[in-house]
Amino acid sequence: MSQTFDKMNETILIPSEDKGPEAPISNFELISTGVGITTLSVLGTVGNMISLLVLSRPQMHSSINCSLQGLAIFDTGVLVCALVMLGLTTLGKVVHWLRFYTWVVFPFIVPVIYPIALIAQTGSVWMTVIVTVERYVAVCHPLQARSIFTYKRSRFYIIIVTTFAVCYNIPRFWEIQRREILDPVTNSTVYNIQPSTFRENKLYFEIYYIWMYLLMMYFIPLFTLVILNTFIWRTVKQANRYRQKLSLRQQKEISLATMLLCVVVVFLICNVTAFIVNILEYFDVYWGSLANLSNLLVTLNSSVNFIIYCIYGHKFKQTLFLIFCKQKLQRTQTFTSGTDRSVWIRFQSTRRRQSHLHDTNIGRIEETVGL
């Protein structure tokens, strides 16, 4: 993720301050933010829930799957917040039955949803880093992998990431405020969301809001991801040359590394635009269409992992099939077993009848010969 979530709110907070509560929206914003983010958030949440269900199965018990569960939880938080903060709010500007949510409900919940969104975003970024580190150790240093990354330690790493995400984003709870204003057109009270005095402090804005965010959410994680995945890619490339000489476990590790390499590549692609948006923000440059695109890509990144697991995760697909097709298979097997049993009974009954007829005919022949 990226500071796109800050920009998500900028898209709502700042323009509402400048244009008023009934400001029109562009077609691109309606399609990308209203329709696109809403659709991706709903579908992505369903996909992440299914991923959690599959990854939590006993046969999927491993350190990497534990980390992927943590990633799915944070990504779900990102998607829910994107839906609440962006998708429904944008649709409420054009859909009549959502107007109450946009202009009345949203101003009251955004001071809480905003920091929660950034907590989920921070957790998603650093869980991606944890997953990458785990794969790097497993592929490049397999002898140390079992001691460094165990299921129990993976749970501990999730707790560390969660604690860091919460502590780092505590100041976000005081960044925005709700203000009542009088709408001269309707002569009624409306609510305006705007940056607080705390957020507008120049020192806080430059150090925490800009540079610390870029450092914690971009420079450190992205640099780590690029370096580690470069080593992973080289190892995978070399291993594929000698794949026949690899053990079954090594082949599974390479396949899993390839799948997670795709996850990280999607992560990097989807966050490049958000990185540019945040750099431009430092120079007081705001490009609305680019911000909307970055919001859409960040939402896409949090919703696409389920598809990647289904494409590259052989064991994931097997477990998914067993979960959702087990009852159907059991019913089919029961029907097949019952059918086979009835055929066998009919076969035995036919054999007995044929045997009885054969014995009867022999008796009659013997009687005839005796006469």
Protein backbone atom coordinates (compact mmCIF):
# COMPACT_ATOMS: atom_id res chain seq x y z
CA MET A 1 0.00 0.00 0.00
CA SER A 2 1.02 3.61 0.11
CA GLN A 3 0.02 7.01 1.29
CA THR A 4 -2.72 6.67 -1.24
CA PHE A 5 -5.04 6.25 1.71
CA ASP A 6 -4.05 9.69 2.85
CA LYS A 7 -4.76 10.81 -0.67
CA MET A 8 -8.02 8.88 -0.60
CA ASN A 9 -9.12 11.25 2.08
CA GLU A 10 -7.58 14.24 0.37
CA THR A 11 -9.85 13.45 -2.57
CA ILE A 12 -12.83 13.72 -0.26
CA LEU A 13 -11.62 16.15 2.36
CA ILE A 14 -9.94 18.92 0.42
CA PRO A 15 -12.22 19.17 -2.63
CA SER A 16 -15.28 19.16 -0.38
CA GLU A 17 -13.77 22.11 1.39
CA ASP A 18 -13.13 24.01 -1.82
CA LYS A 19 -16.15 23.08 -3.93
CA GLY A 20 -18.87 22.62 -1.37
CA PRO A 21 -20.97 19.61 -0.40
CA GLU A 22 -22.74 19.30 -3.76
CA ALA A 23 -19.57 19.40 -5.89
CA PRO A 24 -19.94 17.47 -9.16
CA ILE A 25 -17.64 14.56 -9.87
CA SER A 26 -15.97 13.62 -13.15
CA ASN A 27 -16.86 10.52 -15.12
CA PHE A 28 -13.39 9.11 -14.47
CA GLU A 29 -13.82 9.51 -10.71
CA LEU A 30 -17.26 7.92 -10.85
CA ILE A 31 -16.00 4.92 -12.83
CA SER A 32 -12.66 4.41 -11.07
CA THR A 33 -13.63 5.31 -7.51
CA GLY A 34 -17.38 4.79 -7.37
CA VAL A 35 -17.80 1.70 -9.54
CA GLY A 36 -14.27 0.28 -9.67
CA ILE A 37 -13.31 0.50 -6.00
CA THR A 38 -16.75 -0.62 -4.84
CA THR A 39 -16.67 -3.69 -7.08
CA LEU A 40 -13.07 -4.62 -6.23
CA SER A 41 -13.69 -4.10 -2.51
CA VAL A 42 -16.69 -6.43 -2.43
CA LEU A 43 -15.15 -9.15 -4.63
CA GLY A 44 -11.75 -8.83 -2.95
CA THR A 45 -13.25 -9.15 0.52
CA VAL A 46 -15.01 -12.36 -0.52
CA GLY A 47 -11.78 -13.68 -2.03
CA ASN A 48 -9.77 -12.86 1.10
CA MET A 49 -12.37 -14.56 3.30
CA ILE A 50 -12.11 -17.70 1.18
CA SER A 51 -8.30 -17.48 1.34
CA LEU A 52 -8.46 -17.29 5.14
CA LEU A 53 -10.75 -20.31 5.20
CA VAL A 54 -8.38 -22.34 3.01
CA LEU A 55 -5.14 -21.22 4.68
CA SER A 56 -6.49 -22.05 8.14
CA ARG A 57 -7.12 -25.72 7.29
CA PRO A 58 -4.96 -28.27 9.18
CA GLN A 59 -3.36 -29.54 5.95
CA MET A 60 -2.22 -25.95 5.20
CA HIS A 61 -0.48 -25.58 8.57
CA SER A 62 2.88 -23.88 7.88
CA SER A 63 4.77 -20.71 8.72
CA ILE A 64 4.28 -19.11 5.31
CA ASN A 65 0.53 -19.80 5.30
CA CYS A 66 0.29 -18.26 8.76
CA SER A 67 1.92 -15.09 7.37
CA LEU A 68 -0.41 -15.15 4.38
CA GLN A 69 -3.36 -15.27 6.77
CA GLY A 70 -2.08 -12.10 8.41
CA LEU A 71 -1.69 -10.47 4.99
CA ALA A 72 -5.26 -11.46 4.04
CA ILE A 73 -6.62 -9.94 7.27
CA PHE A 74 -4.89 -6.61 6.70
CA ASP A 75 -5.88 -6.57 3.01
CA THR A 76 -9.48 -7.15 4.02
CA GLY A 77 -9.25 -4.17 6.35
CA VAL A 78 -7.92 -2.07 3.47
CA LEU A 79 -10.79 -3.16 1.21
CA VAL A 80 -13.51 -2.52 3.78
CA CYS A 81 -12.13 0.95 4.52
CA ALA A 82 -11.80 1.70 0.80
CA LEU A 83 -15.43 0.73 0.32
CA VAL A 84 -16.61 2.88 3.23
CA MET A 85 -14.35 5.88 2.59
CA LEU A 86 -14.30 6.01 -1.20
CA GLY A 87 -16.64 3.69 -3.06
CA LEU A 88 -19.93 4.32 -1.28
CA THR A 89 -19.11 7.98 -0.65
CA THR A 90 -18.52 8.63 -4.35
CA LEU A 91 -21.61 6.70 -5.41
CA GLY A 92 -23.63 8.69 -2.87
CA LYS A 93 -23.01 11.81 -4.92
CA VAL A 94 -25.00 10.39 -7.84
CA VAL A 95 -27.14 7.62 -6.34
CA HIS A 96 -30.11 9.06 -4.48
CA TRP A 97 -30.52 6.34 -1.82
CA LEU A 98 -26.83 6.69 -0.82
CA ARG A 99 -26.91 10.46 -0.37
CA PHE A 100 -27.78 10.17 3.32
CA TYR A 101 -24.68 8.05 3.86
CA THR A 102 -22.41 10.44 1.95
CA TRP A 103 -23.55 13.70 3.52
CA VAL A 104 -24.68 12.61 7.01
CA VAL A 105 -23.18 9.26 8.05
CA PHE A 106 -19.75 9.54 6.45
CA PRO A 107 -18.69 12.79 8.20
CA PHE A 108 -19.28 11.10 11.57
CA ILE A 109 -17.42 7.86 10.89
CA VAL A 110 -14.47 9.12 8.84
CA PRO A 111 -12.44 10.40 11.85
CA VAL A 112 -12.32 6.77 13.04
CA ILE A 113 -12.24 4.94 9.70
CA TYR A 114 -9.38 7.09 8.43
CA PRO A 115 -6.75 5.96 10.99
CA ILE A 116 -8.05 2.37 10.89
CA ALA A 117 -7.52 2.40 7.12
CA LEU A 118 -3.94 3.54 7.56
CA ILE A 119 -3.34 0.89 10.23
CA ALA A 120 -4.56 -1.79 7.83
CA GLN A 121 -2.50 -0.29 5.04
CA THR A 122 0.67 -0.25 7.14
CA GLY A 123 0.07 -3.82 8.26
CA SER A 124 -0.44 -4.96 4.67
CA VAL A 125 2.83 -3.39 3.55
CA TRP A 126 4.92 -4.93 6.30
CA MET A 127 3.25 -8.33 6.12
CA THR A 128 4.28 -8.38 2.46
CA VAL A 129 7.83 -7.72 3.64
CA ILE A 130 7.58 -10.53 6.22
CA VAL A 131 6.34 -12.97 3.56
CA THR A 132 9.21 -11.97 1.28
CA VAL A 133 11.81 -12.40 4.02
CA GLU A 134 10.38 -15.83 4.84
CA ARG A 135 10.63 -16.90 1.19
CA TYR A 136 14.14 -15.51 0.88
CA VAL A 137 15.32 -17.55 3.86
CA ALA A 138 13.49 -20.69 2.68
CA VAL A 139 14.88 -20.50 -0.87
CA CYS A 140 18.34 -19.00 -0.40
CA HIS A 141 19.16 -20.32 3.10
CA PRO A 142 17.07 -23.50 3.49
CA LEU A 143 19.14 -24.89 6.38
CA GLN A 144 18.24 -21.93 8.59
CA ALA A 145 14.61 -21.70 7.48
CA ARG A 146 13.09 -24.17 9.94
CA SER A 147 14.70 -22.50 12.95
CA ILE A 148 13.99 -18.88 11.94
CA PHE A 149 10.44 -19.30 10.63
CA THR A 150 8.14 -21.63 12.51
CA TYR A 151 4.36 -21.46 12.76
CA LYS A 152 4.60 -20.08 16.30
CA ARG A 153 7.17 -17.47 15.32
CA SER A 154 5.11 -16.42 12.32
CA ARG A 155 2.22 -15.65 14.66
CA PHE A 156 4.63 -13.63 16.79
CA TYR A 157 5.77 -11.68 13.70
CA ILE A 158 2.12 -10.87 12.92
CA ILE A 159 1.69 -9.50 16.45
CA ILE A 160 4.81 -7.35 16.01
CA VAL A 161 3.56 -5.95 12.70
CA THR A 162 0.12 -5.24 14.17
CA THR A 163 1.63 -3.45 17.18
CA PHE A 164 3.87 -1.37 14.94
CA ALA A 165 0.99 -0.48 12.60
CA VAL A 166 -1.20 0.68 15.49
CA CYS A 167 1.51 2.64 17.31
CA TYR A 168 2.82 4.30 14.17
CA ASN A 169 -0.64 5.53 13.14
CA ILE A 170 -1.89 6.77 16.53
CA PRO A 171 -1.37 10.45 15.50
CA ARG A 172 -3.78 9.88 12.60
CA PHE A 173 -6.71 9.95 15.03
CA TRP A 174 -6.13 13.72 15.48
CA GLU A 175 -5.46 14.61 11.83
CA ILE A 176 -8.99 15.40 10.65
CA GLN A 177 -12.02 17.07 12.11
CA ARG A 178 -15.70 17.51 11.32
CA ARG A 179 -17.10 21.03 11.04
CA GLU A 180 -20.71 22.15 10.72
CA ILE A 181 -21.41 24.78 8.07
CA LEU A 182 -24.57 26.40 6.76
CA ASP A 183 -25.45 25.59 3.18
CA PRO A 184 -26.76 28.88 1.71
CA VAL A 185 -28.58 27.05 -1.09
CA THR A 186 -30.69 24.75 1.07
CA ASN A 187 -30.43 26.89 4.24
CA SER A 188 -29.55 23.76 6.23
CA THR A 189 -26.60 22.54 8.28
CA VAL A 190 -24.11 20.31 6.47
CA TYR A 191 -20.88 18.73 7.62
CA ASN A 192 -17.48 19.44 6.19
CA ILE A 193 -14.42 17.24 6.80
CA GLN A 194 -11.14 19.12 6.87
CA PRO A 195 -7.56 18.77 8.17
CA SER A 196 -7.19 19.63 11.83
CA THR A 197 -4.84 22.26 13.23
CA PHE A 198 -2.64 19.41 14.42
CA ARG A 199 -2.30 18.08 10.84
CA GLU A 200 -1.61 21.56 9.45
CA ASN A 201 1.36 22.06 11.75
CA LYS A 202 4.27 22.57 9.34
CA LEU A 203 6.78 20.56 11.35
CA TYR A 204 4.36 17.65 11.80
CA PHE A 205 3.35 17.74 8.14
CA GLU A 206 6.89 17.65 6.76
CA ILE A 207 8.46 15.19 9.23
CA TYR A 208 5.69 12.72 10.03
CA TYR A 209 3.09 13.13 7.32
CA ILE A 210 5.54 13.27 4.39
CA TRP A 211 9.03 12.01 5.15
CA MET A 212 8.35 9.39 7.81
CA TYR A 213 5.51 8.04 5.73
CA LEU A 214 7.67 7.83 2.62
CA LEU A 215 10.41 6.17 4.67
CA MET A 216 8.21 3.63 6.47
CA MET A 217 5.78 2.89 3.65
CA TYR A 218 7.97 3.25 0.56
CA PHE A 219 11.71 3.54 0.80
CA ILE A 220 12.43 0.82 3.39
CA PRO A 221 9.81 -1.78 2.35
CA LEU A 222 10.15 -1.28 -1.41
CA PHE A 223 13.95 -1.36 -1.27
CA THR A 224 13.79 -4.53 0.83
CA LEU A 225 11.29 -6.16 -1.53
CA VAL A 226 13.32 -5.35 -4.64
CA ILE A 227 16.62 -6.62 -3.18
CA LEU A 228 15.27 -9.84 -1.65
CA ASN A 229 13.12 -10.73 -4.65
CA THR A 230 16.11 -10.22 -6.93
CA PHE A 231 17.96 -12.91 -4.96
CA ILE A 232 14.86 -15.13 -4.95
CA TRP A 233 14.41 -14.75 -8.70
CA ARG A 234 18.04 -15.67 -9.36
CA THR A 235 17.77 -18.74 -7.16
CA VAL A 236 14.53 -19.83 -8.81
CA LYS A 237 16.07 -19.33 -12.24
CA GLN A 238 19.08 -21.47 -11.34
CA ALA A 239 16.91 -24.13 -9.71
CA ASN A 240 14.75 -24.50 -12.81
CA ARG A 241 17.85 -25.48 -14.79
CA TYR A 242 18.45 -28.42 -12.45
CA ARG A 243 14.85 -29.14 -11.53
CA GLN A 244 15.20 -32.90 -12.06
CA LYS A 245 17.97 -33.05 -9.45
CA LEU A 246 15.91 -31.22 -6.81
CA SER A 247 14.14 -33.04 -4.03
CA LEU A 248 10.34 -32.93 -3.81
CA ARG A 249 10.52 -30.48 -0.89
CA GLN A 250 12.89 -28.19 -2.79
CA GLN A 251 10.57 -28.22 -5.81
CA LYS A 252 7.64 -27.22 -3.58
CA GLU A 253 9.69 -24.37 -2.08
CA ILE A 254 10.60 -23.12 -5.56
CA SER A 255 6.97 -23.28 -6.71
CA LEU A 256 5.81 -21.41 -3.62
CA ALA A 257 8.55 -18.82 -4.13
CA THR A 258 7.36 -18.30 -7.71
CA MET A 259 3.79 -17.73 -6.53
CA LEU A 260 4.82 -15.20 -3.88
CA LEU A 261 7.12 -13.52 -6.36
CA CYS A 262 4.00 -12.77 -8.42
CA VAL A 263 2.31 -11.35 -5.30
CA VAL A 264 5.22 -8.96 -4.73
CA VAL A 265 5.43 -7.94 -8.40
CA VAL A 266 1.73 -7.01 -8.36
CA PHE A 267 2.34 -5.12 -5.11
CA LEU A 268 5.17 -3.09 -6.66
CA ILE A 269 3.25 -2.31 -9.85
CA CYS A 270 0.12 -1.20 -8.00
CA ASN A 271 2.06 1.07 -5.64
CA VAL A 272 4.24 2.91 -8.16
CA THR A 273 1.43 5.36 -8.98
CA ALA A 274 0.71 5.94 -5.29
CA PHE A 275 4.38 6.68 -4.71
CA ILE A 276 4.32 9.33 -7.46
CA VAL A 277 1.17 10.89 -5.97
CA ASN A 278 2.82 11.27 -2.56
CA ILE A 279 5.98 12.75 -4.04
CA LEU A 280 3.88 15.31 -5.93
CA GLU A 281 2.03 16.13 -2.74
CA TYR A 282 5.26 17.28 -1.11
CA PHE A 283 5.56 19.88 -3.89
CA ASP A 284 1.91 20.93 -3.41
CA VAL A 285 0.92 19.36 -6.71
CA TYR A 286 -2.41 17.54 -6.75
CA TRP A 287 -3.55 15.64 -9.84
CA GLY A 288 -7.04 14.31 -9.19
CA SER A 289 -7.13 11.72 -11.96
CA LEU A 290 -3.76 10.29 -10.93
CA ALA A 291 -4.90 10.08 -7.30
CA ASN A 292 -8.08 8.26 -8.35
CA LEU A 293 -6.02 5.83 -10.42
CA SER A 294 -3.64 5.18 -7.53
CA ASN A 295 -6.61 4.53 -5.22
CA LEU A 296 -7.97 2.00 -7.70
CA LEU A 297 -4.60 0.24 -8.03
CA VAL A 298 -4.12 0.03 -4.26
CA THR A 299 -7.57 -1.55 -3.94
CA LEU A 300 -6.74 -3.93 -6.77
CA ASN A 301 -3.54 -4.99 -5.01
CA SER A 302 -5.46 -5.93 -1.86
CA SER A 303 -8.07 -7.92 -3.78
CA VAL A 304 -6.04 -9.92 -6.29
CA ASN A 305 -4.05 -12.33 -4.09
CA PHE A 306 -6.81 -14.95 -4.07
CA ILE A 307 -6.59 -15.19 -7.86
CA ILE A 308 -2.79 -15.58 -7.69
CA TYR A 309 -3.14 -18.37 -5.11
CA CYS A 310 -5.65 -20.16 -7.35
CA ILE A 311 -3.37 -19.90 -10.39
CA TYR A 312 -0.03 -20.87 -8.83
CA GLY A 313 -0.90 -22.59 -5.54
CA HIS A 314 -1.42 -26.30 -6.30
CA LYS A 315 -2.07 -27.27 -2.68
CA PHE A 316 -4.27 -24.20 -2.22
CA LYS A 317 -6.44 -25.33 -5.14
CA GLN A 318 -6.64 -28.87 -3.80
CA THR A 319 -7.72 -27.66 -0.36
CA LEU A 320 -10.22 -25.21 -1.87
CA PHE A 321 -11.69 -28.04 -3.94
CA LEU A 322 -11.97 -30.31 -0.90
CA ILE A 323 -13.71 -27.61 1.17
CA PHE A 324 -16.37 -26.64 -1.35
CA CYS A 325 -16.77 -29.96 -3.20
CA LYS A 326 -16.41 -32.44 -0.32
CA GLN A 327 -20.12 -32.76 0.39
CA LYS A 328 -20.93 -33.11 -3.29
CA LEU A 329 -18.25 -35.78 -3.65
CA GLN A 330 -19.57 -37.60 -0.59
CA ARG A 331 -23.10 -37.58 -2.01
CA THR A 332 -21.77 -38.81 -5.36
CA GLN A 333 -19.70 -41.53 -3.70
CA THR A 334 -22.68 -42.57 -1.58
CA PHE A 335 -24.88 -42.78 -4.66
CA THR A 336 -22.18 -44.67 -6.58
CA SER A 337 -21.61 -47.06 -3.69
CA GLY A 338 -25.36 -47.64 -3.37
CA THR A 339 -25.64 -48.23 -7.11
CA ASP A 340 -22.72 -50.65 -7.15
CA ARG A 341 -24.19 -52.51 -4.19
CA SER A 342 -27.61 -52.83 -5.85
CA VAL A 343 -25.95 -54.08 -9.06
CA TRP A 344 -24.00 -56.64 -7.04
CA ILE A 345 -27.17 -57.81 -5.27
CA ARG A 346 -28.98 -58.14 -8.58
CA PHE A 347 -26.01 -60.04 -10.01
CA GLN A 348 -25.95 -62.46 -7.07
CA SER A 349 -29.72 -62.93 -7.28
CA THR A 350 -29.46 -63.68 -11.00
CA ARG A 351 -26.69 -66.20 -10.39
CA ARG A 352 -28.77 -67.96 -7.75
CA ARG A 353 -31.78 -68.12 -10.07
CA GLN A 354 -29.65 -69.46 -12.91
CA SER A 355 -28.10 -72.05 -10.58
CA HIS A 356 -31.54 -73.13 -9.38
CA LEU A 357 -32.83 -73.51 -12.96
CA HIS A 358 -29.74 -75.49 -13.92
CA ASP A 359 -30.22 -77.91 -11.03
CA THR A 360 -33.89 -78.34 -11.90
CA ASN A 361 -33.15 -79.12 -15.53
CA ILE A 362 -30.53 -81.71 -14.57
CA GLY A 363 -33.06 -83.37 -12.27
CA ARG A 364 -35.60 -83.61 -15.06
CA ILE A 365 -33.05 -85.10 -17.45
CA GLU A 366 -32.04 -87.70 -14.88
CA GLU A 367 -35.69 -88.62 -14.38
CA THR A 368 -36.18 -89.03 -18.13
CA VAL A 369 -33.14 -91.24 -18.52
CA GLY A 370 -34.26 -93.40 -15.61
CA LEU A 371 -37.59 -94.16 -17.35
